[in-house]
Amino acid sequence: EVQLVESGGGLVQPGGSLRLSCVASGFRFNLYYMYWIRQAPEKGLEWVSNINNDDGRTHYADSVKGRFTISRDNAKNTVYLQMNSLKPEDTGKYYCVGSPVGLEPPLIDRMTWSRDFGDWGQGTQVTVSS
């Protein structure tokens, strides 16, 4: 059974930092592309970042570029999202998604995301507020 378990969310002031983690099980983690997707209150799903399975190449949405860093540790079956300089508009539920399908810009920027793509965790809430 595929499982993705996110952690590390919480309440943080603007300008603060959080590190999200996602531990995967039930599939060959090193063969999967890993994604972070978020959903703000009353808004649709938004791609944040993803990391390739083989070469570790990373991609970021323009809204988080330069502030967020995605990484993975294949030995620990874990993907991370380091979030710095957080803004109120970063508030939302953050989901970890695993898929054997790799997507890159510009296609990934134009996708309408749904839970039909890949395997999803339960999400972790991030709230940026003073």
Protein backbone atom coordinates (compact mmCIF):
# COMPACT_ATOMS: atom_id res chain seq x y z
CA GLU A 1 0.00 0.00 0.00
CA VAL A 2 1.36 3.39 -1.01
CA GLN A 3 1.66 5.85 1.87
CA LEU A 4 2.89 9.41 1.96
CA VAL A 5 2.99 11.12 5.35
CA GLU A 6 3.70 14.83 5.57
CA SER A 7 4.80 16.72 8.67
CA GLY A 8 6.36 20.03 9.65
CA GLY A 9 3.51 22.43 9.03
CA GLY A 10 2.39 25.01 11.55
CA LEU A 11 1.78 28.67 12.30
CA VAL A 12 4.62 31.05 11.47
CA GLN A 13 5.00 34.81 11.21
CA PRO A 14 5.70 36.48 7.87
CA GLY A 15 9.38 36.22 7.08
CA GLY A 16 9.73 33.00 9.04
CA SER A 17 10.73 29.53 7.94
CA LEU A 18 9.35 26.01 8.03
CA ARG A 19 10.67 22.68 6.81
CA LEU A 20 8.16 20.16 5.54
CA SER A 21 8.96 16.46 5.36
CA CYS A 22 7.22 13.64 3.56
CA VAL A 23 8.03 10.01 4.30
CA ALA A 24 7.05 7.54 1.61
CA SER A 25 6.42 3.82 1.73
CA GLY A 26 4.88 1.10 -0.39
CA PHE A 27 6.68 1.90 -3.64
CA ARG A 28 10.19 2.25 -5.10
CA PHE A 29 10.84 5.78 -3.89
CA ASN A 30 14.01 6.25 -5.93
CA LEU A 31 12.04 5.63 -9.14
CA TYR A 32 9.39 8.24 -8.42
CA TYR A 33 9.28 11.94 -9.18
CA MET A 34 8.16 13.84 -6.10
CA TYR A 35 6.00 16.95 -6.01
CA TRP A 36 4.75 19.47 -3.50
CA ILE A 37 1.29 20.81 -4.25
CA ARG A 38 -0.60 23.32 -2.11
CA GLN A 39 -4.16 24.49 -1.76
CA ALA A 40 -5.00 27.87 -0.31
CA PRO A 41 -8.39 28.39 1.38
CA GLU A 42 -11.18 28.34 -1.18
CA LYS A 43 -8.72 28.00 -4.07
CA GLY A 44 -7.62 25.23 -6.38
CA LEU A 45 -4.55 23.05 -6.22
CA GLU A 46 -1.31 24.80 -7.10
CA TRP A 47 2.00 23.22 -8.03
CA VAL A 48 4.84 24.46 -5.81
CA SER A 49 7.90 22.39 -6.67
CA ASN A 50 9.10 19.00 -7.83
CA ILE A 51 12.28 16.96 -7.95
CA ASN A 52 13.37 14.35 -10.46
CA ASN A 53 13.90 10.74 -9.50
CA ASP A 54 17.28 10.22 -11.11
CA ASP A 55 19.33 13.37 -11.53
CA GLY A 56 17.71 15.29 -8.68
CA ARG A 57 16.88 18.20 -10.94
CA THR A 58 14.41 20.59 -9.33
CA HIS A 59 11.70 22.94 -10.55
CA TYR A 60 9.84 25.73 -8.78
CA ALA A 61 6.77 27.84 -9.35
CA ASP A 62 7.65 31.49 -9.90
CA SER A 63 5.79 32.41 -6.72
CA VAL A 64 8.26 30.46 -4.54
CA LYS A 65 11.47 30.59 -6.57
CA GLY A 66 14.39 31.79 -4.48
CA ARG A 67 12.53 31.17 -1.20
CA PHE A 68 11.74 27.44 -1.22
CA THR A 69 14.10 24.52 -1.69
CA ILE A 70 13.05 20.95 -2.44
CA SER A 71 15.33 18.02 -1.73
CA ARG A 72 15.14 14.28 -1.31
CA ASP A 73 16.96 11.56 0.60
CA ASN A 74 16.42 8.29 -1.22
CA ALA A 75 18.03 6.31 1.61
CA LYS A 76 15.31 7.60 3.95
CA ASN A 77 12.46 7.58 1.40
CA THR A 78 11.88 11.21 2.28
CA VAL A 79 11.34 14.43 0.38
CA TYR A 80 11.69 17.84 2.01
CA LEU A 81 10.52 21.37 1.34
CA GLN A 82 12.51 24.10 3.06
CA MET A 83 10.41 27.26 3.07
CA ASN A 84 12.07 30.58 3.90
CA SER A 85 10.85 34.17 3.81
CA LEU A 86 7.29 32.97 4.15
CA LYS A 87 4.45 35.25 3.11
CA PRO A 88 0.75 35.25 4.04
CA GLU A 89 -0.04 34.10 0.50
CA ASP A 90 1.92 30.90 1.19
CA THR A 91 -0.84 29.87 3.59
CA GLY A 92 -2.52 26.60 2.66
CA LYS A 93 -2.46 22.86 2.94
CA TYR A 94 0.68 21.34 1.47
CA TYR A 95 0.52 17.93 -0.12
CA CYS A 96 3.29 15.56 -1.03
CA VAL A 97 2.67 13.71 -4.30
CA GLY A 98 4.61 10.84 -5.82
CA SER A 99 4.41 9.70 -9.43
CA PRO A 100 6.46 7.69 -11.91
CA VAL A 101 5.61 10.46 -14.39
CA GLY A 102 7.96 13.40 -14.56
CA LEU A 103 6.68 16.86 -15.49
CA GLU A 104 8.65 20.01 -16.21
CA PRO A 105 7.98 23.60 -17.08
CA PRO A 106 6.33 24.92 -19.13
CA LEU A 107 3.82 22.02 -19.10
CA ILE A 108 3.72 21.78 -15.31
CA ASP A 109 2.88 25.49 -15.02
CA ARG A 110 -0.20 25.03 -17.17
CA MET A 111 -1.61 21.91 -15.58
CA THR A 112 -4.91 21.82 -13.80
CA TRP A 113 -4.04 19.64 -10.87
CA SER A 114 -6.29 16.96 -9.49
CA ARG A 115 -5.93 14.01 -7.19
CA ASP A 116 -6.09 11.75 -10.24
CA PHE A 117 -2.39 12.39 -10.77
CA GLY A 118 -0.04 10.28 -8.67
CA ASP A 119 -0.30 9.25 -5.05
CA TRP A 120 -1.10 11.86 -2.41
CA GLY A 121 -0.44 12.32 1.26
CA GLN A 122 -3.00 13.68 3.69
CA GLY A 123 -1.40 17.13 3.70
CA THR A 124 0.05 19.41 6.33
CA GLN A 125 -1.30 22.88 7.14
CA VAL A 126 0.91 25.93 6.81
CA THR A 127 -0.40 29.24 8.14
CA VAL A 128 1.60 32.44 7.73
CA SER A 129 0.16 35.19 9.86
CA SER A 130 1.19 37.83 12.34
